[in-house]
Each structure stands twice: as C-alpha cells, then as structure tokens.
Amino acid sequence: MKISIIGSGYVGMVTGVCFAELGNEVTFLDIDARKIAAINEAKSPVYETGLEVMLAGNRSRIAATTDYQEAIDTTDITFVCVGTPSDDDGAIDLKYIRAASTDLGHALRRKEGRHTVIVKSTVLPGTTEQVVGPILEEASNTRAFVDFGLGSNPEFLREGVAVRDFMNPDRIVFGTGDERTRAIMDELYAPFSCPKLATSI
C-alpha cells in the first residue's frame, strides 16, 4: 500500500518506518524542511531505539517531502500524526490538526480518485468526525465517507520500546465511517495476528 504520513515527530516516524518495514511505500510529509532532509538521508529526526536502523534498512521504500500535493497524489492513504499539545488550561490544542486538515483538504480537491484519511494524533473521541471531517470537506469541496474515506487509529506506543510496541501490538483499534475505509484498514493491518477492534468514529 502507498501511505503518506503527515508529521515526522515521534508518532509519525515510528508509524511510517514500521509500515515501510511491513513492505508498504511510505512518504513523510512535514513543513519542517530540516526534518525532511534528514529523512531523505536515512536519518531519523527523533530518537527511538531501533528506529534509525529500520529507517536505513527500508530506504528504498521511504521518501519525504514538504509538498502536500506531491504526497497526496502519490499515495492512497494518509495518516495524520501531527502534535496535539496541551494549552494553558490543560485542554488539547488542535491548531496543528486544523492546519494539517486544511492543507490536506486543498490537496484532496486537486487529486483524482478516492483517498483515505486516518487520524492517528492523540485527540478526544469525536474529533475526527466533528473537527477533521468538516475541515476536509470545506477545503476539498467533497464529502467525507463518500468522496474520501475518514477514520481514526489511536496509537499505543511507549517511548523507548515504541518500535517493538508497533510491530508486536497486543491490540489494534480503529474507527471508520464507511465500509471501504474499513476494508483498507483490515488490509493494512492484516500482517498482525493480535485482536483488532473496529468501531465507528
């Protein structure tokens, strides 16, 4: 499968490199040109045990760019892995999610064919459908669950053992809003034998 990863921080890097290890073609997308340059030189912009070795070993299946249109046009599914820091009162700040969704929506508007968007960033339940979906629809002038797939796939990664956690999960949870997206997620996670919990979003 051809996958794009928005955000080359901790979650994005581990997710993308591990998907490449499973045989997928992965394109990292980030607005930070320094991170993109590092990835294209097979150097991880974040440290995690075993990650850079795995990145180097899958260099032929990994690319990186700052161009949203390039990343979306050359992939079938996008994982949104941008940061969700806490604001002053402890609530999750969605500014990076909103910005990424807007830019992604503009790219979807110009793409031919169906695309699937999966939110992997740490967000509250309902955020994918109530926040990300409407932004994508407005920016792309298309409809979620009809013209593009939309889902969520929370991460359960522990720092220091994140690569091991990803490659040997005790469970996989994803939420989807349409059958085509559900089928894509089933196919993507088929290599894993752990329990898979598929829900609505």
N, C-alpha and C. Protein backbone atom coordinates (compact mmCIF):
# COMPACT_ATOMS: atom_id res chain seq x y z
N MET A 1 0.84 -1.19 0.00
CA MET A 1 0.00 0.00 0.00
C MET A 1 0.88 1.25 0.00
N LYS A 2 0.39 2.33 -0.57
CA LYS A 2 1.13 3.59 -0.62
C LYS A 2 0.56 4.53 0.43
N ILE A 3 1.41 4.88 1.39
CA ILE A 3 0.97 5.61 2.58
C ILE A 3 1.72 6.92 2.71
N SER A 4 1.01 7.99 3.06
CA SER A 4 1.67 9.24 3.43
C SER A 4 1.44 9.51 4.91
N ILE A 5 2.44 10.10 5.53
CA ILE A 5 2.42 10.39 6.97
C ILE A 5 2.60 11.88 7.15
N ILE A 6 1.58 12.57 7.67
CA ILE A 6 1.71 14.00 7.95
C ILE A 6 2.24 14.17 9.36
N GLY A 7 3.45 14.70 9.45
CA GLY A 7 4.09 14.89 10.75
C GLY A 7 5.20 13.87 10.94
N SER A 8 6.43 14.36 11.08
CA SER A 8 7.57 13.46 11.25
C SER A 8 8.14 13.57 12.66
N GLY A 9 7.24 13.72 13.62
CA GLY A 9 7.63 13.66 15.02
C GLY A 9 7.64 12.22 15.49
N TYR A 10 7.47 12.04 16.78
CA TYR A 10 7.61 10.71 17.38
C TYR A 10 6.62 9.70 16.79
N VAL A 11 5.33 10.01 16.86
CA VAL A 11 4.31 9.07 16.38
C VAL A 11 4.43 8.86 14.87
N GLY A 12 4.61 9.94 14.14
CA GLY A 12 4.71 9.83 12.68
C GLY A 12 5.88 8.99 12.22
N MET A 13 7.04 9.22 12.82
CA MET A 13 8.23 8.48 12.40
C MET A 13 8.10 6.99 12.71
N VAL A 14 7.68 6.67 13.91
CA VAL A 14 7.54 5.25 14.27
C VAL A 14 6.50 4.58 13.38
N THR A 15 5.37 5.24 13.18
CA THR A 15 4.31 4.67 12.35
C THR A 15 4.78 4.45 10.92
N GLY A 16 5.37 5.47 10.32
CA GLY A 16 5.78 5.38 8.93
C GLY A 16 6.88 4.37 8.68
N VAL A 17 7.91 4.39 9.52
CA VAL A 17 9.03 3.47 9.33
C VAL A 17 8.58 2.02 9.55
N CYS A 18 7.73 1.79 10.52
CA CYS A 18 7.25 0.43 10.76
C CYS A 18 6.35 -0.05 9.63
N PHE A 19 5.53 0.83 9.07
CA PHE A 19 4.73 0.44 7.91
C PHE A 19 5.64 0.09 6.73
N ALA A 20 6.72 0.83 6.56
CA ALA A 20 7.68 0.50 5.49
C ALA A 20 8.32 -0.86 5.74
N GLU A 21 8.63 -1.15 6.99
CA GLU A 21 9.20 -2.45 7.35
C GLU A 21 8.26 -3.59 6.95
N LEU A 22 6.96 -3.31 6.95
CA LEU A 22 5.97 -4.32 6.56
C LEU A 22 5.78 -4.41 5.06
N GLY A 23 6.55 -3.61 4.29
CA GLY A 23 6.51 -3.71 2.84
C GLY A 23 5.74 -2.61 2.13
N ASN A 24 5.21 -1.65 2.87
CA ASN A 24 4.48 -0.54 2.26
C ASN A 24 5.43 0.55 1.77
N GLU A 25 4.97 1.33 0.79
CA GLU A 25 5.71 2.50 0.34
C GLU A 25 5.23 3.71 1.15
N VAL A 26 6.15 4.41 1.77
CA VAL A 26 5.79 5.47 2.71
C VAL A 26 6.41 6.80 2.31
N THR A 27 5.59 7.85 2.31
CA THR A 27 6.06 9.21 2.07
C THR A 27 5.78 10.06 3.30
N PHE A 28 6.83 10.60 3.89
CA PHE A 28 6.67 11.51 5.03
C PHE A 28 6.44 12.92 4.51
N LEU A 29 5.52 13.62 5.15
CA LEU A 29 5.17 14.99 4.78
C LEU A 29 5.28 15.87 6.01
N ASP A 30 6.09 16.91 5.92
CA ASP A 30 6.29 17.80 7.06
C ASP A 30 6.61 19.20 6.54
N ILE A 31 6.20 20.22 7.29
CA ILE A 31 6.51 21.60 6.87
C ILE A 31 7.93 22.00 7.26
N ASP A 32 8.59 21.18 8.07
CA ASP A 32 9.96 21.45 8.50
C ASP A 32 10.93 20.82 7.51
N ALA A 33 11.55 21.66 6.69
CA ALA A 33 12.45 21.16 5.64
C ALA A 33 13.66 20.43 6.21
N ARG A 34 14.08 20.79 7.42
CA ARG A 34 15.23 20.11 8.02
C ARG A 34 14.91 18.66 8.34
N LYS A 35 13.72 18.41 8.83
CA LYS A 35 13.31 17.04 9.11
C LYS A 35 13.22 16.22 7.82
N ILE A 36 12.69 16.83 6.78
CA ILE A 36 12.56 16.14 5.50
C ILE A 36 13.93 15.79 4.94
N ALA A 37 14.86 16.73 5.03
CA ALA A 37 16.22 16.47 4.54
C ALA A 37 16.86 15.32 5.31
N ALA A 38 16.65 15.29 6.62
CA ALA A 38 17.21 14.21 7.43
C ALA A 38 16.65 12.86 7.03
N ILE A 39 15.33 12.79 6.85
CA ILE A 39 14.71 11.52 6.47
C ILE A 39 15.22 11.04 5.13
N ASN A 40 15.37 11.96 4.18
CA ASN A 40 15.86 11.58 2.86
C ASN A 40 17.32 11.13 2.88
N GLU A 41 18.01 11.41 3.98
CA GLU A 41 19.37 10.92 4.17
C GLU A 41 19.39 9.71 5.10
N ALA A 42 18.20 9.13 5.34
CA ALA A 42 18.04 7.95 6.20
C ALA A 42 18.43 8.23 7.64
N LYS A 43 18.19 9.47 8.09
CA LYS A 43 18.44 9.84 9.48
C LYS A 43 17.12 10.25 10.12
N SER A 44 16.82 9.68 11.25
CA SER A 44 15.56 9.99 11.92
C SER A 44 15.66 11.31 12.68
N PRO A 45 14.67 12.20 12.54
CA PRO A 45 14.69 13.45 13.29
C PRO A 45 14.31 13.27 14.76
N VAL A 46 13.88 12.08 15.14
CA VAL A 46 13.59 11.78 16.54
C VAL A 46 14.33 10.51 16.94
N TYR A 47 14.64 10.39 18.22
CA TYR A 47 15.33 9.18 18.66
C TYR A 47 14.34 8.17 19.24
N GLU A 48 14.47 6.96 18.80
CA GLU A 48 13.75 5.84 19.38
C GLU A 48 14.56 4.59 19.10
N THR A 49 14.70 3.74 20.07
CA THR A 49 15.52 2.55 19.94
C THR A 49 15.17 1.74 18.70
N GLY A 50 16.16 1.53 17.83
CA GLY A 50 15.98 0.71 16.64
C GLY A 50 15.37 1.41 15.45
N LEU A 51 14.92 2.65 15.63
CA LEU A 51 14.19 3.33 14.56
C LEU A 51 15.08 3.69 13.38
N GLU A 52 16.25 4.28 13.64
CA GLU A 52 17.10 4.72 12.54
C GLU A 52 17.66 3.55 11.76
N VAL A 53 17.95 2.45 12.42
CA VAL A 53 18.41 1.25 11.71
C VAL A 53 17.32 0.75 10.78
N MET A 54 16.08 0.74 11.26
CA MET A 54 14.96 0.30 10.44
C MET A 54 14.72 1.27 9.29
N LEU A 55 14.86 2.57 9.55
CA LEU A 55 14.73 3.59 8.51
C LEU A 55 15.74 3.36 7.40
N ALA A 56 16.99 3.15 7.77
CA ALA A 56 18.04 2.92 6.77
C ALA A 56 17.80 1.63 6.00
N GLY A 57 17.29 0.62 6.66
CA GLY A 57 17.06 -0.65 6.01
C GLY A 57 15.91 -0.63 5.02
N ASN A 58 15.05 0.37 5.13
CA ASN A 58 13.89 0.49 4.23
C ASN A 58 13.97 1.73 3.36
N ARG A 59 15.17 2.22 3.14
CA ARG A 59 15.35 3.48 2.42
C ARG A 59 14.70 3.46 1.04
N SER A 60 14.69 2.31 0.39
CA SER A 60 14.12 2.22 -0.96
C SER A 60 12.60 2.38 -0.96
N ARG A 61 11.97 2.20 0.19
CA ARG A 61 10.51 2.31 0.28
C ARG A 61 10.07 3.60 0.96
N ILE A 62 11.02 4.48 1.31
CA ILE A 62 10.70 5.68 2.06
C ILE A 62 11.13 6.93 1.31
N ALA A 63 10.23 7.91 1.25
CA ALA A 63 10.52 9.22 0.67
C ALA A 63 10.02 10.28 1.65
N ALA A 64 10.40 11.52 1.43
CA ALA A 64 9.95 12.61 2.30
C ALA A 64 9.87 13.89 1.50
N THR A 65 8.85 14.71 1.81
CA THR A 65 8.63 15.94 1.06
C THR A 65 7.93 16.98 1.93
N THR A 66 8.04 18.24 1.53
CA THR A 66 7.29 19.31 2.17
C THR A 66 6.05 19.68 1.34
N ASP A 67 5.84 19.00 0.22
CA ASP A 67 4.79 19.33 -0.74
C ASP A 67 3.55 18.46 -0.51
N TYR A 68 2.49 19.06 -0.01
CA TYR A 68 1.26 18.31 0.24
C TYR A 68 0.73 17.64 -1.02
N GLN A 69 0.69 18.38 -2.11
CA GLN A 69 0.11 17.81 -3.33
C GLN A 69 0.88 16.60 -3.81
N GLU A 70 2.20 16.69 -3.77
CA GLU A 70 3.04 15.55 -4.18
C GLU A 70 2.76 14.33 -3.31
N ALA A 71 2.68 14.54 -2.01
CA ALA A 71 2.47 13.42 -1.10
C ALA A 71 1.10 12.78 -1.30
N ILE A 72 0.08 13.59 -1.48
CA ILE A 72 -1.27 13.05 -1.61
C ILE A 72 -1.48 12.40 -2.97
N ASP A 73 -0.96 13.01 -4.01
CA ASP A 73 -1.14 12.46 -5.36
C ASP A 73 -0.47 11.11 -5.54
N THR A 74 0.58 10.84 -4.79
CA THR A 74 1.35 9.60 -4.98
C THR A 74 1.03 8.53 -3.94
N THR A 75 0.04 8.77 -3.09
CA THR A 75 -0.33 7.78 -2.08
C THR A 75 -1.84 7.56 -2.07
N ASP A 76 -2.25 6.51 -1.37
CA ASP A 76 -3.67 6.14 -1.32
C ASP A 76 -4.30 6.44 0.03
N ILE A 77 -3.48 6.47 1.06
CA ILE A 77 -3.98 6.66 2.42
C ILE A 77 -3.02 7.57 3.18
N THR A 78 -3.58 8.49 3.95
CA THR A 78 -2.77 9.44 4.73
C THR A 78 -3.07 9.28 6.21
N PHE A 79 -2.01 9.15 7.00
CA PHE A 79 -2.13 9.16 8.45
C PHE A 79 -1.74 10.54 8.97
N VAL A 80 -2.64 11.18 9.70
CA VAL A 80 -2.37 12.48 10.31
C VAL A 80 -1.75 12.23 11.68
N CYS A 81 -0.47 12.60 11.81
CA CYS A 81 0.29 12.31 13.04
C CYS A 81 0.92 13.57 13.62
N VAL A 82 0.26 14.70 13.47
CA VAL A 82 0.82 15.95 13.98
C VAL A 82 0.61 16.04 15.49
N GLY A 83 1.38 16.93 16.12
CA GLY A 83 1.31 17.07 17.56
C GLY A 83 0.01 17.69 18.04
N THR A 84 -0.40 17.30 19.24
CA THR A 84 -1.59 17.89 19.87
C THR A 84 -1.21 18.29 21.30
N PRO A 85 -0.47 19.39 21.43
CA PRO A 85 -0.02 19.83 22.77
C PRO A 85 -1.18 20.30 23.62
N SER A 86 -0.94 20.38 24.91
CA SER A 86 -1.95 20.90 25.83
C SER A 86 -1.82 22.42 25.90
N ASP A 87 -2.97 23.11 25.98
CA ASP A 87 -2.91 24.56 26.13
C ASP A 87 -2.81 24.91 27.62
N ASP A 88 -2.93 26.18 27.95
CA ASP A 88 -2.69 26.65 29.32
C ASP A 88 -3.64 26.03 30.35
N ASP A 89 -4.86 25.70 29.93
CA ASP A 89 -5.80 25.12 30.89
C ASP A 89 -5.85 23.59 30.83
N GLY A 90 -4.90 23.00 30.09
CA GLY A 90 -4.80 21.55 30.04
C GLY A 90 -5.58 20.88 28.93
N ALA A 91 -6.35 21.66 28.18
CA ALA A 91 -7.11 21.08 27.07
C ALA A 91 -6.20 20.81 25.88
N ILE A 92 -6.60 19.87 25.04
CA ILE A 92 -5.81 19.56 23.84
C ILE A 92 -5.93 20.70 22.84
N ASP A 93 -4.80 21.18 22.36
CA ASP A 93 -4.75 22.25 21.37
C ASP A 93 -4.77 21.62 19.98
N LEU A 94 -5.79 21.92 19.20
CA LEU A 94 -5.97 21.29 17.90
C LEU A 94 -5.46 22.14 16.74
N LYS A 95 -4.64 23.16 17.02
CA LYS A 95 -4.23 24.07 15.94
C LYS A 95 -3.45 23.35 14.85
N TYR A 96 -2.60 22.40 15.21
CA TYR A 96 -1.83 21.68 14.19
C TYR A 96 -2.71 20.71 13.41
N ILE A 97 -3.67 20.11 14.10
CA ILE A 97 -4.64 19.24 13.43
C ILE A 97 -5.46 20.04 12.42
N ARG A 98 -5.91 21.22 12.83
CA ARG A 98 -6.72 22.05 11.94
C ARG A 98 -5.91 22.51 10.72
N ALA A 99 -4.68 22.93 10.96
CA ALA A 99 -3.84 23.41 9.85
C ALA A 99 -3.54 22.28 8.87
N ALA A 100 -3.18 21.11 9.40
CA ALA A 100 -2.88 19.97 8.53
C ALA A 100 -4.12 19.55 7.75
N SER A 101 -5.28 19.57 8.39
CA SER A 101 -6.52 19.18 7.72
C SER A 101 -6.87 20.14 6.59
N THR A 102 -6.63 21.43 6.81
CA THR A 102 -6.90 22.41 5.76
C THR A 102 -6.00 22.19 4.56
N ASP A 103 -4.70 22.05 4.80
CA ASP A 103 -3.76 21.83 3.69
C ASP A 103 -4.03 20.50 2.99
N LEU A 104 -4.38 19.49 3.77
CA LEU A 104 -4.71 18.19 3.19
C LEU A 104 -5.96 18.29 2.32
N GLY A 105 -6.95 19.02 2.80
CA GLY A 105 -8.18 19.19 2.03
C GLY A 105 -7.94 19.89 0.71
N HIS A 106 -7.08 20.90 0.70
CA HIS A 106 -6.76 21.58 -0.56
C HIS A 106 -6.10 20.62 -1.54
N ALA A 107 -5.25 19.72 -1.04
CA ALA A 107 -4.62 18.73 -1.91
C ALA A 107 -5.64 17.72 -2.42
N LEU A 108 -6.58 17.34 -1.57
CA LEU A 108 -7.63 16.40 -1.99
C LEU A 108 -8.50 16.99 -3.09
N ARG A 109 -8.71 18.30 -3.04
CA ARG A 109 -9.53 18.96 -4.05
C ARG A 109 -8.95 18.75 -5.45
N ARG A 110 -7.61 18.70 -5.53
CA ARG A 110 -6.96 18.60 -6.84
C ARG A 110 -6.57 17.16 -7.20
N LYS A 111 -6.82 16.24 -6.31
CA LYS A 111 -6.45 14.85 -6.59
C LYS A 111 -7.56 14.13 -7.34
N GLU A 112 -7.16 13.30 -8.29
CA GLU A 112 -8.11 12.45 -8.99
C GLU A 112 -8.21 11.12 -8.26
N GLY A 113 -9.41 10.66 -8.03
CA GLY A 113 -9.59 9.38 -7.37
C GLY A 113 -9.78 9.51 -5.87
N ARG A 114 -10.23 8.45 -5.28
CA ARG A 114 -10.55 8.42 -3.85
C ARG A 114 -9.28 8.34 -3.00
N HIS A 115 -9.33 8.97 -1.85
CA HIS A 115 -8.21 8.96 -0.90
C HIS A 115 -8.79 8.66 0.48
N THR A 116 -7.98 8.09 1.34
CA THR A 116 -8.41 7.76 2.70
C THR A 116 -7.56 8.53 3.70
N VAL A 117 -8.22 9.14 4.68
CA VAL A 117 -7.54 9.92 5.71
C VAL A 117 -7.79 9.28 7.07
N ILE A 118 -6.71 8.99 7.79
CA ILE A 118 -6.81 8.37 9.11
C ILE A 118 -6.11 9.26 10.13
N VAL A 119 -6.80 9.63 11.18
CA VAL A 119 -6.22 10.46 12.24
C VAL A 119 -5.57 9.55 13.29
N LYS A 120 -4.27 9.69 13.46
CA LYS A 120 -3.54 8.92 14.47
C LYS A 120 -3.05 9.81 15.61
N SER A 121 -3.13 11.11 15.43
CA SER A 121 -2.77 12.04 16.50
C SER A 121 -3.65 11.78 17.73
N THR A 122 -3.13 12.15 18.89
CA THR A 122 -3.89 11.98 20.13
C THR A 122 -4.98 13.04 20.22
N VAL A 123 -6.22 12.61 20.07
CA VAL A 123 -7.36 13.52 20.13
C VAL A 123 -8.48 12.87 20.93
N LEU A 124 -9.44 13.68 21.35
CA LEU A 124 -10.59 13.16 22.07
C LEU A 124 -11.53 12.43 21.12
N PRO A 125 -12.31 11.47 21.61
CA PRO A 125 -13.30 10.80 20.76
C PRO A 125 -14.23 11.82 20.12
N GLY A 126 -14.53 11.62 18.86
CA GLY A 126 -15.41 12.52 18.14
C GLY A 126 -14.68 13.59 17.34
N THR A 127 -13.40 13.82 17.64
CA THR A 127 -12.65 14.88 16.95
C THR A 127 -12.53 14.61 15.46
N THR A 128 -12.29 13.37 15.09
CA THR A 128 -12.12 13.04 13.67
C THR A 128 -13.35 13.41 12.87
N GLU A 129 -14.52 13.02 13.37
CA GLU A 129 -15.76 13.27 12.63
C GLU A 129 -16.25 14.71 12.78
N GLN A 130 -16.07 15.30 13.96
CA GLN A 130 -16.66 16.61 14.23
C GLN A 130 -15.75 17.78 13.90
N VAL A 131 -14.44 17.55 13.85
CA VAL A 131 -13.49 18.63 13.57
C VAL A 131 -12.76 18.40 12.25
N VAL A 132 -12.07 17.27 12.14
CA VAL A 132 -11.27 17.00 10.94
C VAL A 132 -12.15 16.85 9.71
N GLY A 133 -13.20 16.07 9.82
CA GLY A 133 -14.08 15.83 8.67
C GLY A 133 -14.63 17.10 8.04
N PRO A 134 -15.26 17.99 8.82
CA PRO A 134 -15.79 19.23 8.24
C PRO A 134 -14.72 20.12 7.61
N ILE A 135 -13.52 20.18 8.21
CA ILE A 135 -12.45 20.98 7.62
C ILE A 135 -12.04 20.40 6.28
N LEU A 136 -11.88 19.08 6.22
CA LEU A 136 -11.52 18.43 4.95
C LEU A 136 -12.60 18.65 3.90
N GLU A 137 -13.85 18.54 4.30
CA GLU A 137 -14.95 18.72 3.34
C GLU A 137 -14.95 20.14 2.77
N GLU A 138 -14.79 21.12 3.63
CA GLU A 138 -14.81 22.52 3.16
C GLU A 138 -13.62 22.82 2.25
N ALA A 139 -12.44 22.35 2.65
CA ALA A 139 -11.23 22.66 1.87
C ALA A 139 -11.18 21.89 0.55
N SER A 140 -11.77 20.70 0.52
CA SER A 140 -11.71 19.88 -0.69
C SER A 140 -12.95 20.00 -1.56
N ASN A 141 -14.02 20.55 -0.98
CA ASN A 141 -15.31 20.61 -1.67
C ASN A 141 -15.80 19.21 -2.05
N THR A 142 -15.54 18.26 -1.16
CA THR A 142 -16.01 16.88 -1.34
C THR A 142 -16.63 16.41 -0.03
N ARG A 143 -17.16 15.17 -0.03
CA ARG A 143 -17.89 14.67 1.12
C ARG A 143 -17.15 13.51 1.80
N ALA A 144 -17.03 13.61 3.11
CA ALA A 144 -16.44 12.51 3.88
C ALA A 144 -17.32 11.28 3.77
N PHE A 145 -16.69 10.12 3.74
CA PHE A 145 -17.33 8.81 3.67
C PHE A 145 -17.93 8.51 2.29
N VAL A 146 -17.97 9.51 1.43
CA VAL A 146 -18.49 9.31 0.08
C VAL A 146 -17.37 9.52 -0.94
N ASP A 147 -16.80 10.72 -0.95
CA ASP A 147 -15.72 11.04 -1.89
C ASP A 147 -14.34 10.71 -1.33
N PHE A 148 -14.20 10.75 -0.03
CA PHE A 148 -12.94 10.33 0.60
C PHE A 148 -13.25 9.56 1.88
N GLY A 149 -12.37 8.62 2.20
CA GLY A 149 -12.54 7.84 3.42
C GLY A 149 -12.01 8.60 4.62
N LEU A 150 -12.58 8.34 5.78
CA LEU A 150 -12.16 9.02 7.00
C LEU A 150 -12.24 8.05 8.17
N GLY A 151 -11.19 8.04 8.98
CA GLY A 151 -11.18 7.15 10.14
C GLY A 151 -10.19 7.61 11.19
N SER A 152 -10.15 6.88 12.28
CA SER A 152 -9.21 7.15 13.36
C SER A 152 -8.52 5.86 13.77
N ASN A 153 -7.29 6.00 14.27
CA ASN A 153 -6.48 4.82 14.61
C ASN A 153 -5.51 5.23 15.73
N PRO A 154 -5.99 5.24 16.97
CA PRO A 154 -5.15 5.70 18.09
C PRO A 154 -3.90 4.85 18.25
N GLU A 155 -2.85 5.51 18.74
CA GLU A 155 -1.58 4.81 18.94
C GLU A 155 -1.41 4.46 20.41
N PHE A 156 -0.74 3.33 20.63
CA PHE A 156 -0.44 2.87 21.99
C PHE A 156 1.05 2.60 22.10
N LEU A 157 1.84 3.64 21.87
CA LEU A 157 3.30 3.48 21.82
C LEU A 157 3.95 4.02 23.09
N ARG A 158 4.89 3.27 23.62
CA ARG A 158 5.64 3.70 24.80
C ARG A 158 7.05 4.10 24.38
N GLU A 159 7.48 5.27 24.83
CA GLU A 159 8.82 5.73 24.47
C GLU A 159 9.87 4.73 24.95
N GLY A 160 10.83 4.48 24.08
CA GLY A 160 11.90 3.54 24.39
C GLY A 160 11.65 2.16 23.83
N VAL A 161 10.38 1.79 23.71
CA VAL A 161 10.03 0.47 23.14
C VAL A 161 8.94 0.63 22.08
N ALA A 162 8.86 1.81 21.46
CA ALA A 162 7.77 2.09 20.53
C ALA A 162 7.82 1.22 19.28
N VAL A 163 9.01 0.98 18.75
CA VAL A 163 9.12 0.13 17.56
C VAL A 163 8.63 -1.28 17.89
N ARG A 164 9.05 -1.78 19.02
CA ARG A 164 8.60 -3.11 19.44
C ARG A 164 7.09 -3.11 19.68
N ASP A 165 6.57 -2.06 20.29
CA ASP A 165 5.12 -1.97 20.52
C ASP A 165 4.35 -1.99 19.20
N PHE A 166 4.85 -1.25 18.20
CA PHE A 166 4.15 -1.19 16.92
C PHE A 166 4.19 -2.53 16.22
N MET A 167 5.34 -3.16 16.21
CA MET A 167 5.50 -4.41 15.46
C MET A 167 4.90 -5.62 16.18
N ASN A 168 4.68 -5.49 17.48
CA ASN A 168 4.12 -6.60 18.27
C ASN A 168 2.99 -6.08 19.17
N PRO A 169 1.92 -5.57 18.57
CA PRO A 169 0.85 -4.98 19.39
C PRO A 169 0.02 -6.04 20.11
N ASP A 170 -0.53 -5.66 21.26
CA ASP A 170 -1.44 -6.58 21.93
C ASP A 170 -2.88 -6.35 21.48
N ARG A 171 -3.10 -5.23 20.78
CA ARG A 171 -4.41 -4.94 20.19
C ARG A 171 -4.25 -3.82 19.17
N ILE A 172 -5.17 -3.75 18.23
CA ILE A 172 -5.21 -2.66 17.26
C ILE A 172 -6.64 -2.13 17.25
N VAL A 173 -6.79 -0.83 17.41
CA VAL A 173 -8.11 -0.21 17.44
C VAL A 173 -8.21 0.80 16.31
N PHE A 174 -9.28 0.72 15.54
CA PHE A 174 -9.52 1.75 14.54
C PHE A 174 -11.01 1.99 14.38
N GLY A 175 -11.35 3.23 14.07
CA GLY A 175 -12.74 3.60 13.83
C GLY A 175 -12.89 4.10 12.41
N THR A 176 -13.95 3.70 11.75
CA THR A 176 -14.19 4.13 10.37
C THR A 176 -15.66 4.52 10.21
N GLY A 177 -15.92 5.25 9.14
CA GLY A 177 -17.28 5.69 8.88
C GLY A 177 -17.87 5.12 7.62
N ASP A 178 -17.13 4.26 6.92
CA ASP A 178 -17.65 3.65 5.70
C ASP A 178 -16.94 2.32 5.46
N GLU A 179 -17.58 1.47 4.71
CA GLU A 179 -17.07 0.11 4.52
C GLU A 179 -15.76 0.07 3.74
N ARG A 180 -15.57 0.98 2.79
CA ARG A 180 -14.33 0.96 2.02
C ARG A 180 -13.12 1.29 2.90
N THR A 181 -13.30 2.24 3.80
CA THR A 181 -12.21 2.57 4.72
C THR A 181 -11.94 1.40 5.67
N ARG A 182 -13.00 0.76 6.13
CA ARG A 182 -12.84 -0.43 6.99
C ARG A 182 -12.04 -1.50 6.26
N ALA A 183 -12.33 -1.73 4.99
CA ALA A 183 -11.62 -2.76 4.22
C ALA A 183 -10.14 -2.41 4.06
N ILE A 184 -9.85 -1.12 3.86
CA ILE A 184 -8.46 -0.68 3.72
C ILE A 184 -7.70 -0.91 5.02
N MET A 185 -8.32 -0.58 6.13
CA MET A 185 -7.65 -0.78 7.42
C MET A 185 -7.45 -2.26 7.71
N ASP A 186 -8.43 -3.07 7.36
CA ASP A 186 -8.29 -4.52 7.53
C ASP A 186 -7.10 -5.04 6.73
N GLU A 187 -6.97 -4.56 5.50
CA GLU A 187 -5.87 -5.00 4.65
C GLU A 187 -4.52 -4.51 5.19
N LEU A 188 -4.49 -3.26 5.62
CA LEU A 188 -3.24 -2.68 6.11
C LEU A 188 -2.71 -3.42 7.34
N TYR A 189 -3.62 -3.80 8.22
CA TYR A 189 -3.22 -4.46 9.46
C TYR A 189 -3.31 -5.98 9.39
N ALA A 190 -3.53 -6.52 8.21
CA ALA A 190 -3.62 -7.97 8.04
C ALA A 190 -2.39 -8.73 8.54
N PRO A 191 -1.16 -8.17 8.43
CA PRO A 191 0.00 -8.92 8.91
C PRO A 191 0.02 -9.18 10.42
N PHE A 192 -0.82 -8.49 11.18
CA PHE A 192 -0.80 -8.64 12.63
C PHE A 192 -1.86 -9.64 13.08
N SER A 193 -1.49 -10.51 13.99
CA SER A 193 -2.40 -11.56 14.46
C SER A 193 -3.12 -11.19 15.75
N CYS A 194 -2.84 -10.02 16.30
CA CYS A 194 -3.46 -9.61 17.56
C CYS A 194 -4.94 -9.28 17.35
N PRO A 195 -5.72 -9.18 18.44
CA PRO A 195 -7.12 -8.77 18.30
C PRO A 195 -7.23 -7.38 17.66
N LYS A 196 -8.22 -7.23 16.79
CA LYS A 196 -8.47 -5.94 16.14
C LYS A 196 -9.89 -5.50 16.48
N LEU A 197 -9.99 -4.30 17.02
CA LEU A 197 -11.29 -3.76 17.41
C LEU A 197 -11.66 -2.65 16.43
N ALA A 198 -12.66 -2.92 15.61
CA ALA A 198 -13.13 -1.93 14.63
C ALA A 198 -14.42 -1.31 15.16
N THR A 199 -14.43 0.02 15.22
CA THR A 199 -15.58 0.73 15.77
C THR A 199 -16.03 1.81 14.79
N SER A 200 -17.08 2.52 15.16
CA SER A 200 -17.46 3.73 14.43
C SER A 200 -16.56 4.86 14.92
N ILE A 201 -16.63 6.02 14.24
CA ILE A 201 -15.84 7.16 14.71
C ILE A 201 -16.73 8.20 15.37
